[in-house]
Amino acid sequence: ELEAGTDYVIDNRQGILIPVADGEIAHGDALTISYSFDSYLHTAINGG
């Protein structure tokens, strides 16, 4: 189990995981994640 704040940070609103530079996450790593999320209206636009 990786440590929040040391290995990664999560932007809860955007739903983004940000690896920390000196943490244990490396290029090409395969991770697993467990979390809960609230309901929302989602619009996706494929531009261009």
All heavy atoms as atom14 arrays in JSON, in Angstrom:
{
  "sequence": "ELEAGTDYVIDNRQGILIPVADGEIAHGDALTISYSFDSYLHTAINGG",
  "atom14_mask": [
    [1, 1, 1, 1, 1, 1, 1, 1, 1, 0, 0, 0, 0, 0],
    [1, 1, 1, 1, 1, 1, 1, 1, 0, 0, 0, 0, 0, 0],
    [1, 1, 1, 1, 1, 1, 1, 1, 1, 0, 0, 0, 0, 0],
    [1, 1, 1, 1, 1, 0, 0, 0, 0, 0, 0, 0, 0, 0],
    [1, 1, 1, 1, 0, 0, 0, 0, 0, 0, 0, 0, 0, 0],
    [1, 1, 1, 1, 1, 1, 1, 0, 0, 0, 0, 0, 0, 0],
    [1, 1, 1, 1, 1, 1, 1, 1, 0, 0, 0, 0, 0, 0],
    [1, 1, 1, 1, 1, 1, 1, 1, 1, 1, 1, 1, 0, 0],
    [1, 1, 1, 1, 1, 1, 1, 0, 0, 0, 0, 0, 0, 0],
    [1, 1, 1, 1, 1, 1, 1, 1, 0, 0, 0, 0, 0, 0],
    [1, 1, 1, 1, 1, 1, 1, 1, 0, 0, 0, 0, 0, 0],
    [1, 1, 1, 1, 1, 1, 1, 1, 0, 0, 0, 0, 0, 0],
    [1, 1, 1, 1, 1, 1, 1, 1, 1, 1, 1, 0, 0, 0],
    [1, 1, 1, 1, 1, 1, 1, 1, 1, 0, 0, 0, 0, 0],
    [1, 1, 1, 1, 0, 0, 0, 0, 0, 0, 0, 0, 0, 0],
    [1, 1, 1, 1, 1, 1, 1, 1, 0, 0, 0, 0, 0, 0],
    [1, 1, 1, 1, 1, 1, 1, 1, 0, 0, 0, 0, 0, 0],
    [1, 1, 1, 1, 1, 1, 1, 1, 0, 0, 0, 0, 0, 0],
    [1, 1, 1, 1, 1, 1, 1, 0, 0, 0, 0, 0, 0, 0],
    [1, 1, 1, 1, 1, 1, 1, 0, 0, 0, 0, 0, 0, 0],
    [1, 1, 1, 1, 1, 0, 0, 0, 0, 0, 0, 0, 0, 0],
    [1, 1, 1, 1, 1, 1, 1, 1, 0, 0, 0, 0, 0, 0],
    [1, 1, 1, 1, 0, 0, 0, 0, 0, 0, 0, 0, 0, 0],
    [1, 1, 1, 1, 1, 1, 1, 1, 1, 0, 0, 0, 0, 0],
    [1, 1, 1, 1, 1, 1, 1, 1, 0, 0, 0, 0, 0, 0],
    [1, 1, 1, 1, 1, 0, 0, 0, 0, 0, 0, 0, 0, 0],
    [1, 1, 1, 1, 1, 1, 1, 1, 1, 1, 0, 0, 0, 0],
    [1, 1, 1, 1, 0, 0, 0, 0, 0, 0, 0, 0, 0, 0],
    [1, 1, 1, 1, 1, 1, 1, 1, 0, 0, 0, 0, 0, 0],
    [1, 1, 1, 1, 1, 0, 0, 0, 0, 0, 0, 0, 0, 0],
    [1, 1, 1, 1, 1, 1, 1, 1, 0, 0, 0, 0, 0, 0],
    [1, 1, 1, 1, 1, 1, 1, 0, 0, 0, 0, 0, 0, 0],
    [1, 1, 1, 1, 1, 1, 1, 1, 0, 0, 0, 0, 0, 0],
    [1, 1, 1, 1, 1, 1, 0, 0, 0, 0, 0, 0, 0, 0],
    [1, 1, 1, 1, 1, 1, 1, 1, 1, 1, 1, 1, 0, 0],
    [1, 1, 1, 1, 1, 1, 0, 0, 0, 0, 0, 0, 0, 0],
    [1, 1, 1, 1, 1, 1, 1, 1, 1, 1, 1, 0, 0, 0],
    [1, 1, 1, 1, 1, 1, 1, 1, 0, 0, 0, 0, 0, 0],
    [1, 1, 1, 1, 1, 1, 0, 0, 0, 0, 0, 0, 0, 0],
    [1, 1, 1, 1, 1, 1, 1, 1, 1, 1, 1, 1, 0, 0],
    [1, 1, 1, 1, 1, 1, 1, 1, 0, 0, 0, 0, 0, 0],
    [1, 1, 1, 1, 1, 1, 1, 1, 1, 1, 0, 0, 0, 0],
    [1, 1, 1, 1, 1, 1, 1, 0, 0, 0, 0, 0, 0, 0],
    [1, 1, 1, 1, 1, 0, 0, 0, 0, 0, 0, 0, 0, 0],
    [1, 1, 1, 1, 1, 1, 1, 1, 0, 0, 0, 0, 0, 0],
    [1, 1, 1, 1, 1, 1, 1, 1, 0, 0, 0, 0, 0, 0],
    [1, 1, 1, 1, 0, 0, 0, 0, 0, 0, 0, 0, 0, 0],
    [1, 1, 1, 1, 0, 0, 0, 0, 0, 0, 0, 0, 0, 0]
  ],
  "atom14_positions": [
    [[0.84, -1.19, 0.0], [0.0, 0.0, 0.0], [0.88, 1.25, 0.0], [1.78, 1.38, 0.85], [-0.91, 0.0, 1.22], [-1.88, 1.17, 1.24], [-2.87, 1.08, 2.4], [-3.2, -0.06, 2.81], [-3.3, 2.15, 2.88], [0.0, 0.0, 0.0], [0.0, 0.0, 0.0], [0.0, 0.0, 0.0], [0.0, 0.0, 0.0], [0.0, 0.0, 0.0]],
    [[0.64, 2.13, -0.98], [1.4, 3.37, -1.09], [0.84, 4.42, -0.14], [-0.32, 4.34, 0.28], [1.38, 3.87, -2.54], [1.96, 2.91, -3.58], [1.87, 3.52, -4.98], [3.42, 2.56, -3.25], [0.0, 0.0, 0.0], [0.0, 0.0, 0.0], [0.0, 0.0, 0.0], [0.0, 0.0, 0.0], [0.0, 0.0, 0.0], [0.0, 0.0, 0.0]],
    [[1.66, 5.42, 0.18], [1.29, 6.41, 1.18], [0.88, 7.72, 0.53], [1.63, 8.3, -0.26], [2.47, 6.65, 2.13], [2.12, 7.56, 3.3], [3.26, 7.69, 4.29], [4.22, 6.9, 4.21], [3.19, 8.6, 5.14], [0.0, 0.0, 0.0], [0.0, 0.0, 0.0], [0.0, 0.0, 0.0], [0.0, 0.0, 0.0], [0.0, 0.0, 0.0]],
    [[-0.32, 8.17, 0.87], [-0.81, 9.46, 0.34], [0.05, 10.59, 0.87], [0.42, 10.62, 2.04], [-2.27, 9.67, 0.75], [0.0, 0.0, 0.0], [0.0, 0.0, 0.0], [0.0, 0.0, 0.0], [0.0, 0.0, 0.0], [0.0, 0.0, 0.0], [0.0, 0.0, 0.0], [0.0, 0.0, 0.0], [0.0, 0.0, 0.0], [0.0, 0.0, 0.0]],
    [[0.4, 11.54, 0.0], [1.22, 12.66, 0.38], [2.7, 12.41, 0.2], [3.48, 13.34, -0.03], [0.0, 0.0, 0.0], [0.0, 0.0, 0.0], [0.0, 0.0, 0.0], [0.0, 0.0, 0.0], [0.0, 0.0, 0.0], [0.0, 0.0, 0.0], [0.0, 0.0, 0.0], [0.0, 0.0, 0.0], [0.0, 0.0, 0.0], [0.0, 0.0, 0.0]],
    [[3.09, 11.12, 0.33], [4.51, 10.76, 0.13], [4.74, 10.17, -1.25], [5.72, 10.51, -1.93], [4.95, 9.74, 1.2], [4.78, 10.31, 2.5], [6.4, 9.33, 1.01], [0.0, 0.0, 0.0], [0.0, 0.0, 0.0], [0.0, 0.0, 0.0], [0.0, 0.0, 0.0], [0.0, 0.0, 0.0], [0.0, 0.0, 0.0], [0.0, 0.0, 0.0]],
    [[3.84, 9.3, -1.68], [3.98, 8.64, -2.98], [3.05, 9.24, -4.04], [3.35, 9.19, -5.23], [3.68, 7.14, -2.86], [4.64, 6.45, -1.91], [5.85, 6.72, -2.02], [4.17, 5.67, -1.07], [0.0, 0.0, 0.0], [0.0, 0.0, 0.0], [0.0, 0.0, 0.0], [0.0, 0.0, 0.0], [0.0, 0.0, 0.0], [0.0, 0.0, 0.0]],
    [[1.95, 9.81, -3.58], [0.97, 10.34, -4.53], [0.06, 11.34, -3.84], [-0.02, 11.38, -2.6], [0.12, 9.21, -5.14], [-0.76, 8.53, -4.12], [-2.05, 8.99, -3.87], [-0.31, 7.44, -3.39], [-2.86, 8.39, -2.92], [-1.11, 6.82, -2.44], [-2.38, 7.31, -2.21], [-3.18, 6.72, -1.26], [0.0, 0.0, 0.0], [0.0, 0.0, 0.0]],
    [[-0.63, 12.15, -4.65], [-1.68, 13.05, -4.18], [-2.88, 12.84, -5.1], [-2.71, 12.65, -6.31], [-1.22, 14.53, -4.23], [-2.37, 15.46, -3.88], [-0.03, 14.75, -3.31], [0.0, 0.0, 0.0], [0.0, 0.0, 0.0], [0.0, 0.0, 0.0], [0.0, 0.0, 0.0], [0.0, 0.0, 0.0], [0.0, 0.0, 0.0], [0.0, 0.0, 0.0]],
    [[-4.08, 12.87, -4.54], [-5.29, 12.73, -5.35], [-6.06, 14.05, -5.35], [-6.34, 14.62, -4.29], [-6.19, 11.59, -4.84], [-5.52, 10.23, -5.08], [-7.57, 11.62, -5.53], [-6.34, 9.05, -4.58], [0.0, 0.0, 0.0], [0.0, 0.0, 0.0], [0.0, 0.0, 0.0], [0.0, 0.0, 0.0], [0.0, 0.0, 0.0], [0.0, 0.0, 0.0]],
    [[-6.37, 14.54, -6.55], [-7.29, 15.67, -6.71], [-8.69, 15.07, -6.72], [-9.13, 14.5, -7.73], [-6.99, 16.42, -8.01], [-7.87, 17.64, -8.22], [-9.06, 17.58, -7.87], [-7.38, 18.65, -8.76], [0.0, 0.0, 0.0], [0.0, 0.0, 0.0], [0.0, 0.0, 0.0], [0.0, 0.0, 0.0], [0.0, 0.0, 0.0], [0.0, 0.0, 0.0]],
    [[-9.39, 15.17, -5.6], [-10.69, 14.48, -5.46], [-11.73, 15.0, -6.44], [-12.52, 14.22, -6.99], [-11.2, 14.63, -4.03], [-10.31, 13.93, -3.03], [-9.14, 14.26, -2.9], [-10.84, 12.95, -2.31], [0.0, 0.0, 0.0], [0.0, 0.0, 0.0], [0.0, 0.0, 0.0], [0.0, 0.0, 0.0], [0.0, 0.0, 0.0], [0.0, 0.0, 0.0]],
    [[-11.77, 16.32, -6.64], [-12.81, 16.88, -7.53], [-12.59, 16.45, -8.98], [-13.53, 16.04, -9.66], [-12.81, 18.4, -7.43], [-13.84, 19.08, -8.32], [-13.87, 20.58, -8.07], [-12.59, 21.2, -8.35], [-12.24, 21.63, -9.57], [-13.07, 21.49, -10.59], [-11.06, 22.2, -9.77], [0.0, 0.0, 0.0], [0.0, 0.0, 0.0], [0.0, 0.0, 0.0]],
    [[-11.37, 16.53, -9.45], [-11.08, 16.18, -10.84], [-10.94, 14.67, -11.05], [-11.01, 14.2, -12.19], [-9.79, 16.87, -11.3], [-9.87, 18.39, -11.32], [-10.61, 18.91, -12.53], [-11.2, 18.16, -13.3], [-10.59, 20.22, -12.71], [0.0, 0.0, 0.0], [0.0, 0.0, 0.0], [0.0, 0.0, 0.0], [0.0, 0.0, 0.0], [0.0, 0.0, 0.0]],
    [[-10.71, 13.93, -9.97], [-10.48, 12.5, -10.13], [-9.14, 12.23, -10.8], [-9.06, 11.52, -11.8], [0.0, 0.0, 0.0], [0.0, 0.0, 0.0], [0.0, 0.0, 0.0], [0.0, 0.0, 0.0], [0.0, 0.0, 0.0], [0.0, 0.0, 0.0], [0.0, 0.0, 0.0], [0.0, 0.0, 0.0], [0.0, 0.0, 0.0], [0.0, 0.0, 0.0]],
    [[-8.06, 12.81, -10.24], [-6.73, 12.68, -10.83], [-5.74, 12.25, -9.75], [-5.73, 12.79, -8.64], [-6.27, 14.03, -11.44], [-7.12, 14.37, -12.66], [-4.79, 13.98, -11.83], [-6.81, 15.73, -13.25], [0.0, 0.0, 0.0], [0.0, 0.0, 0.0], [0.0, 0.0, 0.0], [0.0, 0.0, 0.0], [0.0, 0.0, 0.0], [0.0, 0.0, 0.0]],
    [[-4.91, 11.26, -10.08], [-3.83, 10.83, -9.2], [-2.53, 11.45, -9.69], [-2.18, 11.32, -10.87], [-3.73, 9.3, -9.18], [-2.66, 8.69, -8.25], [-3.16, 7.4, -7.64], [-1.35, 8.42, -9.01], [0.0, 0.0, 0.0], [0.0, 0.0, 0.0], [0.0, 0.0, 0.0], [0.0, 0.0, 0.0], [0.0, 0.0, 0.0], [0.0, 0.0, 0.0]],
    [[-1.82, 12.12, -8.78], [-0.59, 12.83, -9.14], [0.59, 12.16, -8.42], [0.69, 12.23, -7.17], [-0.67, 14.31, -8.73], [-1.93, 14.95, -9.32], [0.58, 15.06, -9.18], [-2.26, 16.3, -8.72], [0.0, 0.0, 0.0], [0.0, 0.0, 0.0], [0.0, 0.0, 0.0], [0.0, 0.0, 0.0], [0.0, 0.0, 0.0], [0.0, 0.0, 0.0]],
    [[1.48, 11.48, -9.14], [2.65, 10.88, -8.49], [3.57, 11.95, -7.9], [3.77, 13.01, -8.5], [3.35, 10.14, -9.64], [2.3, 9.94, -10.68], [1.41, 11.14, -10.57], [0.0, 0.0, 0.0], [0.0, 0.0, 0.0], [0.0, 0.0, 0.0], [0.0, 0.0, 0.0], [0.0, 0.0, 0.0], [0.0, 0.0, 0.0], [0.0, 0.0, 0.0]],
    [[4.11, 11.69, -6.71], [5.06, 12.59, -6.08], [6.46, 12.26, -6.6], [6.84, 11.07, -6.72], [5.0, 12.45, -4.55], [6.11, 13.27, -3.88], [3.64, 12.9, -4.03], [0.0, 0.0, 0.0], [0.0, 0.0, 0.0], [0.0, 0.0, 0.0], [0.0, 0.0, 0.0], [0.0, 0.0, 0.0], [0.0, 0.0, 0.0], [0.0, 0.0, 0.0]],
    [[7.24, 13.29, -6.86], [8.53, 13.11, -7.55], [9.45, 12.11, -6.86], [10.06, 11.26, -7.51], [9.22, 14.47, -7.69], [0.0, 0.0, 0.0], [0.0, 0.0, 0.0], [0.0, 0.0, 0.0], [0.0, 0.0, 0.0], [0.0, 0.0, 0.0], [0.0, 0.0, 0.0], [0.0, 0.0, 0.0], [0.0, 0.0, 0.0], [0.0, 0.0, 0.0]],
    [[9.56, 12.16, -5.54], [10.49, 11.29, -4.82], [9.8, 10.07, -4.22], [10.38, 9.38, -3.36], [11.19, 12.09, -3.7], [12.04, 13.22, -4.26], [12.58, 13.05, -5.36], [12.13, 14.28, -3.59], [0.0, 0.0, 0.0], [0.0, 0.0, 0.0], [0.0, 0.0, 0.0], [0.0, 0.0, 0.0], [0.0, 0.0, 0.0], [0.0, 0.0, 0.0]],
    [[8.59, 9.79, -4.67], [7.85, 8.66, -4.13], [8.2, 7.34, -4.79], [9.14, 7.24, -5.59], [0.0, 0.0, 0.0], [0.0, 0.0, 0.0], [0.0, 0.0, 0.0], [0.0, 0.0, 0.0], [0.0, 0.0, 0.0], [0.0, 0.0, 0.0], [0.0, 0.0, 0.0], [0.0, 0.0, 0.0], [0.0, 0.0, 0.0], [0.0, 0.0, 0.0]],
    [[7.41, 6.32, -4.5], [7.68, 4.96, -4.95], [7.07, 4.64, -6.32], [7.24, 3.52, -6.81], [7.14, 3.96, -3.91], [7.87, 3.99, -2.57], [9.34, 3.61, -2.72], [9.65, 2.69, -3.5], [10.18, 4.26, -2.06], [0.0, 0.0, 0.0], [0.0, 0.0, 0.0], [0.0, 0.0, 0.0], [0.0, 0.0, 0.0], [0.0, 0.0, 0.0]],
    [[6.38, 5.59, -6.94], [5.76, 5.33, -8.24], [6.78, 5.63, -9.34], [7.44, 6.67, -9.33], [4.5, 6.18, -8.44], [3.44, 5.81, -7.38], [3.93, 5.99, -9.83], [2.2, 6.67, -7.41], [0.0, 0.0, 0.0], [0.0, 0.0, 0.0], [0.0, 0.0, 0.0], [0.0, 0.0, 0.0], [0.0, 0.0, 0.0], [0.0, 0.0, 0.0]],
    [[6.9, 4.69, -10.3], [7.85, 4.83, -11.41], [7.12, 4.76, -12.74], [5.95, 4.36, -12.82], [8.92, 3.74, -11.32], [0.0, 0.0, 0.0], [0.0, 0.0, 0.0], [0.0, 0.0, 0.0], [0.0, 0.0, 0.0], [0.0, 0.0, 0.0], [0.0, 0.0, 0.0], [0.0, 0.0, 0.0], [0.0, 0.0, 0.0], [0.0, 0.0, 0.0]],
    [[7.84, 5.13, -13.81], [7.28, 5.03, -15.16], [6.83, 3.6, -15.42], [7.55, 2.63, -15.15], [8.32, 5.41, -16.21], [8.87, 6.8, -16.08], [8.08, 7.89, -15.82], [10.14, 7.29, -16.17], [8.82, 8.99, -15.77], [10.09, 8.64, -15.96], [0.0, 0.0, 0.0], [0.0, 0.0, 0.0], [0.0, 0.0, 0.0], [0.0, 0.0, 0.0]],
    [[5.59, 3.45, -15.99], [5.11, 2.14, -16.4], [4.54, 1.28, -15.29], [4.14, 0.14, -15.55], [0.0, 0.0, 0.0], [0.0, 0.0, 0.0], [0.0, 0.0, 0.0], [0.0, 0.0, 0.0], [0.0, 0.0, 0.0], [0.0, 0.0, 0.0], [0.0, 0.0, 0.0], [0.0, 0.0, 0.0], [0.0, 0.0, 0.0], [0.0, 0.0, 0.0]],
    [[4.47, 1.8, -14.06], [3.93, 1.0, -12.95], [2.46, 0.66, -13.17], [1.66, 1.48, -13.64], [4.07, 1.76, -11.63], [5.42, 1.55, -10.97], [6.18, 0.71, -11.47], [5.7, 2.22, -9.96], [0.0, 0.0, 0.0], [0.0, 0.0, 0.0], [0.0, 0.0, 0.0], [0.0, 0.0, 0.0], [0.0, 0.0, 0.0], [0.0, 0.0, 0.0]],
    [[2.12, -0.58, -12.8], [0.72, -1.01, -12.78], [0.25, -0.97, -11.33], [0.77, -1.7, -10.47], [0.58, -2.41, -13.36], [0.0, 0.0, 0.0], [0.0, 0.0, 0.0], [0.0, 0.0, 0.0], [0.0, 0.0, 0.0], [0.0, 0.0, 0.0], [0.0, 0.0, 0.0], [0.0, 0.0, 0.0], [0.0, 0.0, 0.0], [0.0, 0.0, 0.0]],
    [[-0.72, -0.09, -11.05], [-1.23, 0.09, -9.7], [-2.67, -0.39, -9.62], [-3.33, -0.61, -10.64], [-1.16, 1.57, -9.3], [0.17, 2.3, -9.49], [0.02, 3.77, -9.1], [1.29, 1.63, -8.7], [0.0, 0.0, 0.0], [0.0, 0.0, 0.0], [0.0, 0.0, 0.0], [0.0, 0.0, 0.0], [0.0, 0.0, 0.0], [0.0, 0.0, 0.0]],
    [[-3.18, -0.51, -8.4], [-4.61, -0.7, -8.18], [-5.08, 0.38, -7.23], [-4.32, 0.86, -6.38], [-4.92, -2.08, -7.59], [-4.24, -2.24, -6.34], [-4.5, -3.18, -8.55], [0.0, 0.0, 0.0], [0.0, 0.0, 0.0], [0.0, 0.0, 0.0], [0.0, 0.0, 0.0], [0.0, 0.0, 0.0], [0.0, 0.0, 0.0], [0.0, 0.0, 0.0]],
    [[-6.34, 0.77, -7.37], [-6.9, 1.83, -6.52], [-8.31, 1.46, -6.09], [-9.08, 0.88, -6.88], [-6.87, 3.19, -7.24], [-7.31, 4.31, -6.31], [-7.71, 3.15, -8.52], [-7.05, 5.71, -6.86], [0.0, 0.0, 0.0], [0.0, 0.0, 0.0], [0.0, 0.0, 0.0], [0.0, 0.0, 0.0], [0.0, 0.0, 0.0], [0.0, 0.0, 0.0]],
    [[-8.63, 1.79, -4.87], [-9.99, 1.62, -4.34], [-10.45, 2.96, -3.78], [-9.69, 3.64, -3.08], [-10.0, 0.56, -3.23], [-9.52, -0.69, -3.7], [0.0, 0.0, 0.0], [0.0, 0.0, 0.0], [0.0, 0.0, 0.0], [0.0, 0.0, 0.0], [0.0, 0.0, 0.0], [0.0, 0.0, 0.0], [0.0, 0.0, 0.0], [0.0, 0.0, 0.0]],
    [[-11.68, 3.35, -4.1], [-12.21, 4.63, -3.62], [-13.72, 4.65, -3.81], [-14.3, 3.82, -4.5], [-11.58, 5.8, -4.37], [-11.8, 5.8, -5.86], [-12.96, 6.32, -6.42], [-10.84, 5.27, -6.71], [-13.17, 6.31, -7.79], [-11.03, 5.26, -8.08], [-12.19, 5.78, -8.62], [-12.41, 5.76, -9.98], [0.0, 0.0, 0.0], [0.0, 0.0, 0.0]],
    [[-14.36, 5.63, -3.17], [-15.78, 5.89, -3.37], [-15.93, 7.25, -4.06], [-15.03, 8.08, -4.01], [-16.53, 5.9, -2.03], [-16.48, 4.62, -1.43], [0.0, 0.0, 0.0], [0.0, 0.0, 0.0], [0.0, 0.0, 0.0], [0.0, 0.0, 0.0], [0.0, 0.0, 0.0], [0.0, 0.0, 0.0], [0.0, 0.0, 0.0], [0.0, 0.0, 0.0]],
    [[-17.08, 7.48, -4.69], [-17.3, 8.73, -5.41], [-18.77, 9.13, -5.3], [-19.66, 8.28, -5.16], [-16.88, 8.61, -6.88], [-17.54, 7.48, -7.62], [-18.73, 7.67, -8.32], [-16.97, 6.22, -7.62], [-19.33, 6.62, -9.01], [-17.57, 5.16, -8.31], [-18.76, 5.37, -9.0], [0.0, 0.0, 0.0], [0.0, 0.0, 0.0], [0.0, 0.0, 0.0]],
    [[-19.0, 10.45, -5.35], [-20.36, 10.99, -5.31], [-20.99, 10.94, -6.7], [-20.3, 10.76, -7.72], [-20.34, 12.44, -4.8], [-20.07, 12.52, -3.32], [-20.43, 11.56, -2.6], [-19.49, 13.53, -2.87], [0.0, 0.0, 0.0], [0.0, 0.0, 0.0], [0.0, 0.0, 0.0], [0.0, 0.0, 0.0], [0.0, 0.0, 0.0], [0.0, 0.0, 0.0]],
    [[-22.3, 11.15, -6.76], [-23.0, 11.21, -8.05], [-22.71, 12.56, -8.71], [-22.46, 13.56, -8.05], [-24.5, 11.04, -7.85], [-25.0, 12.03, -6.99], [0.0, 0.0, 0.0], [0.0, 0.0, 0.0], [0.0, 0.0, 0.0], [0.0, 0.0, 0.0], [0.0, 0.0, 0.0], [0.0, 0.0, 0.0], [0.0, 0.0, 0.0], [0.0, 0.0, 0.0]],
    [[-22.74, 12.57, -10.05], [-22.48, 13.81, -10.8], [-22.97, 13.66, -12.24], [-23.23, 12.54, -12.72], [-20.98, 14.17, -10.79], [-20.07, 13.11, -11.36], [-19.65, 13.15, -12.69], [-19.59, 12.07, -10.57], [-18.8, 12.19, -13.22], [-18.74, 11.11, -11.08], [-18.35, 11.16, -12.41], [-17.5, 10.21, -12.92], [0.0, 0.0, 0.0], [0.0, 0.0, 0.0]],
    [[-23.12, 14.79, -12.89], [-23.47, 14.82, -14.31], [-22.19, 15.0, -15.1], [-21.43, 15.94, -14.87], [-24.44, 15.96, -14.61], [-24.99, 16.03, -16.03], [-25.87, 14.82, -16.33], [-25.79, 17.32, -16.24], [0.0, 0.0, 0.0], [0.0, 0.0, 0.0], [0.0, 0.0, 0.0], [0.0, 0.0, 0.0], [0.0, 0.0, 0.0], [0.0, 0.0, 0.0]],
    [[-21.95, 14.11, -16.04], [-20.67, 14.08, -16.75], [-20.88, 14.35, -18.24], [-21.69, 13.7, -18.88], [-20.02, 12.7, -16.57], [-18.71, 12.54, -17.27], [-18.5, 11.62, -18.27], [-17.53, 13.2, -17.12], [-17.26, 11.71, -18.71], [-16.64, 12.67, -18.03], [0.0, 0.0, 0.0], [0.0, 0.0, 0.0], [0.0, 0.0, 0.0], [0.0, 0.0, 0.0]],
    [[-20.17, 15.34, -18.76], [-20.18, 15.63, -20.19], [-18.77, 15.49, -20.72], [-17.85, 16.15, -20.23], [-20.7, 17.04, -20.47], [-22.05, 17.15, -20.01], [-20.67, 17.35, -21.96], [0.0, 0.0, 0.0], [0.0, 0.0, 0.0], [0.0, 0.0, 0.0], [0.0, 0.0, 0.0], [0.0, 0.0, 0.0], [0.0, 0.0, 0.0], [0.0, 0.0, 0.0]],
    [[-18.6, 14.62, -21.7], [-17.3, 14.41, -22.32], [-17.35, 14.9, -23.76], [-18.27, 14.55, -24.51], [-16.9, 12.94, -22.28], [0.0, 0.0, 0.0], [0.0, 0.0, 0.0], [0.0, 0.0, 0.0], [0.0, 0.0, 0.0], [0.0, 0.0, 0.0], [0.0, 0.0, 0.0], [0.0, 0.0, 0.0], [0.0, 0.0, 0.0], [0.0, 0.0, 0.0]],
    [[-16.36, 15.71, -24.14], [-16.29, 16.23, -25.51], [-14.99, 15.78, -26.14], [-13.91, 16.03, -25.61], [-16.36, 17.77, -25.52], [-17.7, 18.24, -24.93], [-16.18, 18.31, -26.93], [-17.81, 19.73, -24.77], [0.0, 0.0, 0.0], [0.0, 0.0, 0.0], [0.0, 0.0, 0.0], [0.0, 0.0, 0.0], [0.0, 0.0, 0.0], [0.0, 0.0, 0.0]],
    [[-15.12, 15.07, -27.25], [-13.95, 14.68, -28.04], [-13.75, 15.74, -29.11], [-14.48, 15.8, -30.1], [-14.15, 13.3, -28.67], [-14.3, 12.21, -27.62], [-13.62, 12.24, -26.6], [-15.19, 11.26, -27.86], [0.0, 0.0, 0.0], [0.0, 0.0, 0.0], [0.0, 0.0, 0.0], [0.0, 0.0, 0.0], [0.0, 0.0, 0.0], [0.0, 0.0, 0.0]],
    [[-12.78, 16.61, -28.88], [-12.61, 17.79, -29.73], [-11.86, 17.51, -31.02], [-11.07, 16.58, -31.13], [0.0, 0.0, 0.0], [0.0, 0.0, 0.0], [0.0, 0.0, 0.0], [0.0, 0.0, 0.0], [0.0, 0.0, 0.0], [0.0, 0.0, 0.0], [0.0, 0.0, 0.0], [0.0, 0.0, 0.0], [0.0, 0.0, 0.0], [0.0, 0.0, 0.0]],
    [[-12.13, 18.37, -32.0], [-11.35, 18.38, -33.24], [-11.77, 17.39, -34.29], [-11.23, 17.4, -35.4], [0.0, 0.0, 0.0], [0.0, 0.0, 0.0], [0.0, 0.0, 0.0], [0.0, 0.0, 0.0], [0.0, 0.0, 0.0], [0.0, 0.0, 0.0], [0.0, 0.0, 0.0], [0.0, 0.0, 0.0], [0.0, 0.0, 0.0], [0.0, 0.0, 0.0]]
  ]
}
